């Protein structure tokens, strides 16, 4: 059995054929799928716009794989509706799974860290969206800065803040966009899928693999 774990695809109503074909390929090869947050981006689009876009072609395939959908900070539960069941079997803010006598705890990761969108959303969701659209104009350089200067620091903060339950096995997060396998601290981060860059995890009888690929 092969379990595919990915996060931070940040899909919108705008379709990317190469990214679609890449996602279709890796999902098809898996026996089970866990989407670990920020599958779509509620700060850049609406759930309805995403749901009715060409990305919906993925939904039947995800459903067939018994997909577990973990909400992130860009695709919070309140941003969507019951139609999430069209592409996932279970929806939650966290998920625990035992596989090959090893516990795996899945959470997007935003609850372990300070986030400006988390701070502002209680005051103004519109303001969060405006700031996200402005940041999106400089998305590529911001992404590089976030990964190389903030990713390691953010992952280390999550490791320190993890609660007792997650210490009983591997904690698997996304959110920071920095892919990492740390067996010593039993911490995994799936990374992200944007700009033609993709990272994801495969869990099977042989252990854990972190894959990094291009879909350009």
Protein backbone atom coordinates (compact mmCIF):
# COMPACT_ATOMS: atom_id res chain seq x y z
CA UNK A 1 0.00 0.00 0.00
CA UNK A 2 1.30 3.46 -0.94
CA UNK A 3 0.02 6.60 0.76
CA UNK A 4 0.52 9.92 -1.02
CA UNK A 5 0.71 13.06 1.11
CA UNK A 6 0.84 16.53 -0.41
CA UNK A 7 -0.12 20.06 0.59
CA UNK A 8 0.02 23.71 -0.42
CA UNK A 9 -1.07 23.39 -4.03
CA UNK A 10 -2.99 26.69 -3.59
CA UNK A 11 -5.32 26.01 -6.50
CA UNK A 12 -7.67 28.76 -7.71
CA UNK A 13 -10.21 29.09 -10.49
CA UNK A 14 -7.28 29.49 -12.87
CA UNK A 15 -6.33 26.18 -14.46
CA UNK A 16 -2.79 24.93 -15.10
CA UNK A 17 -2.75 21.91 -17.39
CA UNK A 18 0.82 20.83 -16.55
CA UNK A 19 0.11 20.96 -12.84
CA UNK A 20 -3.14 19.08 -13.40
CA UNK A 21 -1.40 16.29 -15.33
CA UNK A 22 1.29 16.04 -12.65
CA UNK A 23 -1.27 15.78 -9.83
CA UNK A 24 -3.29 13.23 -11.81
CA UNK A 25 -0.20 11.08 -12.31
CA UNK A 26 0.93 10.93 -8.68
CA UNK A 27 -2.62 10.48 -7.38
CA UNK A 28 -3.24 7.63 -9.82
CA UNK A 29 -0.14 5.79 -8.57
CA UNK A 30 -1.20 5.96 -4.91
CA UNK A 31 -3.57 3.68 -3.01
CA UNK A 32 -4.60 6.38 -0.56
CA UNK A 33 -4.24 10.17 -0.55
CA UNK A 34 -3.93 12.72 2.24
CA UNK A 35 -4.22 16.38 1.27
CA UNK A 36 -2.57 18.20 4.16
CA UNK A 37 -4.03 21.69 3.80
CA UNK A 38 -4.11 24.65 1.41
CA UNK A 39 -5.44 22.50 -1.41
CA UNK A 40 -7.20 25.56 -2.81
CA UNK A 41 -6.63 29.22 -1.92
CA UNK A 42 -9.54 30.98 -0.27
CA UNK A 43 -7.55 34.20 -0.07
CA UNK A 44 -7.34 34.43 -3.87
CA UNK A 45 -10.63 32.92 -5.01
CA UNK A 46 -13.97 31.58 -3.78
CA UNK A 47 -14.72 27.95 -3.11
CA UNK A 48 -17.40 28.00 -5.79
CA UNK A 49 -14.98 29.36 -8.38
CA UNK A 50 -12.48 26.63 -7.52
CA UNK A 51 -15.12 23.91 -7.33
CA UNK A 52 -16.63 24.70 -10.74
CA UNK A 53 -13.25 25.11 -12.48
CA UNK A 54 -11.44 22.48 -14.55
CA UNK A 55 -9.72 21.33 -11.36
CA UNK A 56 -12.97 19.48 -10.63
CA UNK A 57 -11.75 16.78 -13.04
CA UNK A 58 -9.48 15.67 -10.18
CA UNK A 59 -12.33 15.23 -7.73
CA UNK A 60 -13.57 11.81 -8.85
CA UNK A 61 -10.04 10.41 -8.78
CA UNK A 62 -9.39 11.82 -5.28
CA UNK A 63 -12.68 10.37 -4.06
CA UNK A 64 -11.75 6.94 -5.44
CA UNK A 65 -8.55 7.03 -3.37
CA UNK A 66 -10.48 7.63 -0.14
CA UNK A 67 -8.81 11.01 0.25
CA UNK A 68 -8.38 12.53 3.72
CA UNK A 69 -8.68 16.31 3.51
CA UNK A 70 -6.98 18.40 6.21
CA UNK A 71 -8.04 22.05 6.32
CA UNK A 72 -5.25 24.65 6.14
CA UNK A 73 -5.16 28.38 6.75
CA UNK A 74 -5.93 29.25 3.10
CA UNK A 75 -8.74 26.68 2.81
CA UNK A 76 -10.31 26.85 6.27
CA UNK A 77 -13.50 24.90 6.86
CA UNK A 78 -15.56 28.09 6.99
CA UNK A 79 -14.32 29.11 3.52
CA UNK A 80 -15.94 26.07 1.88
CA UNK A 81 -19.15 24.05 2.15
CA UNK A 82 -20.42 20.45 2.10
CA UNK A 83 -19.18 19.97 -1.47
CA UNK A 84 -15.73 19.12 -0.08
CA UNK A 85 -17.17 15.60 0.20
CA UNK A 86 -17.03 15.46 -3.62
CA UNK A 87 -13.26 15.02 -3.48
CA UNK A 88 -12.66 13.62 0.02
CA UNK A 89 -13.99 10.91 2.30
CA UNK A 90 -12.93 12.49 5.61
CA UNK A 91 -12.48 16.20 6.34
CA UNK A 92 -10.80 17.43 9.53
CA UNK A 93 -8.32 19.90 11.04
CA UNK A 94 -6.10 16.96 11.99
CA UNK A 95 -5.90 13.23 11.40
CA UNK A 96 -4.16 10.32 13.10
CA UNK A 97 -3.24 7.15 11.24
CA UNK A 98 -1.39 3.98 12.22
CA UNK A 99 0.54 2.25 9.45
CA UNK A 100 3.15 -0.49 9.80
CA UNK A 101 3.06 -0.12 13.60
CA UNK A 102 3.97 3.58 13.29
CA UNK A 103 1.71 6.48 14.27
CA UNK A 104 1.40 9.41 11.86
CA UNK A 105 -0.25 12.65 12.93
CA UNK A 106 -1.32 15.01 10.14
CA UNK A 107 -1.94 18.72 10.64
CA UNK A 108 -1.38 21.59 8.23
CA UNK A 109 0.92 23.37 10.68
CA UNK A 110 -0.57 26.86 10.86
CA UNK A 111 -1.90 26.28 14.39
CA UNK A 112 1.67 25.87 15.67
CA UNK A 113 2.83 29.25 14.31
CA UNK A 114 1.85 32.92 14.37
CA UNK A 115 0.14 33.86 11.12
CA UNK A 116 -0.93 37.32 10.03
CA UNK A 117 -3.98 35.91 8.23
CA UNK A 118 -5.02 34.14 11.43
CA UNK A 119 -4.67 37.41 13.34
CA UNK A 120 -6.58 39.50 10.82
CA UNK A 121 -9.34 37.11 9.78
CA UNK A 122 -11.23 37.73 13.02
CA UNK A 123 -11.25 41.45 12.19
CA UNK A 124 -11.58 41.53 8.42
CA UNK A 125 -11.55 38.65 5.94
CA UNK A 126 -11.66 41.26 3.16
CA UNK A 127 -8.42 42.79 4.42
CA UNK A 128 -6.76 39.34 4.39
CA UNK A 129 -7.79 38.88 0.76
CA UNK A 130 -6.55 42.35 -0.26
CA UNK A 131 -3.16 41.78 1.38
CA UNK A 132 -2.90 38.33 -0.23
CA UNK A 133 -3.62 39.76 -3.69
CA UNK A 134 -0.95 42.44 -3.17
CA UNK A 135 1.59 39.84 -2.03
CA UNK A 136 0.64 37.68 -5.02
CA UNK A 137 2.02 40.38 -7.33
CA UNK A 138 5.47 39.61 -5.90
CA UNK A 139 4.77 35.94 -5.30
CA UNK A 140 7.91 34.34 -6.73
CA UNK A 141 10.55 36.42 -4.85
CA UNK A 142 8.46 36.24 -1.67
CA UNK A 143 8.27 32.47 -2.07
CA UNK A 144 12.06 32.15 -2.36
CA UNK A 145 12.61 34.35 0.68
CA UNK A 146 10.03 32.35 2.63
CA UNK A 147 11.65 29.02 1.81
CA UNK A 148 15.31 29.83 2.23
CA UNK A 149 15.12 32.26 5.14
CA UNK A 150 11.95 31.25 6.95
CA UNK A 151 11.32 27.60 6.19
CA UNK A 152 13.92 26.03 8.45
CA UNK A 153 13.13 28.41 11.30
CA UNK A 154 9.38 27.77 10.99
CA UNK A 155 9.83 23.99 10.87
CA UNK A 156 11.99 24.13 14.00
CA UNK A 157 9.35 26.18 15.79
CA UNK A 158 6.72 23.60 14.95
CA UNK A 159 8.95 20.83 16.34
CA UNK A 160 9.28 22.69 19.62
CA UNK A 161 5.57 23.48 19.93
CA UNK A 162 4.17 20.06 19.02
CA UNK A 163 1.89 18.66 21.69
CA UNK A 164 2.14 15.37 23.57
CA UNK A 165 -0.13 13.46 21.20
CA UNK A 166 2.04 14.15 18.18
CA UNK A 167 5.17 13.07 20.06
CA UNK A 168 3.92 9.47 19.95
CA UNK A 169 4.72 9.29 16.25
CA UNK A 170 5.62 11.33 13.19
CA UNK A 171 4.13 14.81 12.87
CA UNK A 172 3.46 15.61 9.22
CA UNK A 173 2.87 19.25 8.28
CA UNK A 174 2.83 21.58 5.33
CA UNK A 175 2.30 25.35 5.65
CA UNK A 176 5.97 26.46 5.75
CA UNK A 177 6.57 25.36 2.12
CA UNK A 178 9.91 23.92 3.23
CA UNK A 179 10.11 20.15 2.54
CA UNK A 180 11.93 18.20 5.23
CA UNK A 181 12.41 14.75 6.71
CA UNK A 182 13.76 14.77 10.26
CA UNK A 183 13.75 11.22 11.60
CA UNK A 184 15.45 12.23 14.84
CA UNK A 185 12.55 14.51 15.81
CA UNK A 186 9.98 12.45 13.89
CA UNK A 187 8.95 15.45 11.82
CA UNK A 188 8.00 15.62 8.16
CA UNK A 189 7.02 18.54 5.95
CA UNK A 190 5.51 18.00 2.52
CA UNK A 191 6.66 21.34 1.09
CA UNK A 192 4.52 22.82 -1.70
CA UNK A 193 3.53 22.65 -5.38
CA UNK A 194 3.86 25.93 -7.28
CA UNK A 195 5.99 27.59 -9.97
CA UNK A 196 6.67 24.21 -11.60
CA UNK A 197 8.23 22.89 -8.39
CA UNK A 198 6.64 20.00 -6.51
CA UNK A 199 7.46 18.11 -3.35
CA UNK A 200 5.40 15.40 -1.68
CA UNK A 201 5.67 12.37 0.58
CA UNK A 202 5.15 8.70 -0.11
CA UNK A 203 4.61 6.31 2.79
CA UNK A 204 4.70 2.57 2.13
CA UNK A 205 6.00 -0.72 3.58
CA UNK A 206 9.58 0.43 2.96
CA UNK A 207 9.20 3.65 4.97
CA UNK A 208 8.97 7.31 4.02
CA UNK A 209 10.18 8.99 0.85
CA UNK A 210 10.35 12.73 0.16
CA UNK A 211 10.05 13.34 -3.56
CA UNK A 212 11.04 16.58 -5.31
CA UNK A 213 10.12 17.01 -8.96
CA UNK A 214 9.40 19.57 -11.67
CA UNK A 215 6.12 19.64 -13.56
CA UNK A 216 7.06 22.25 -16.20
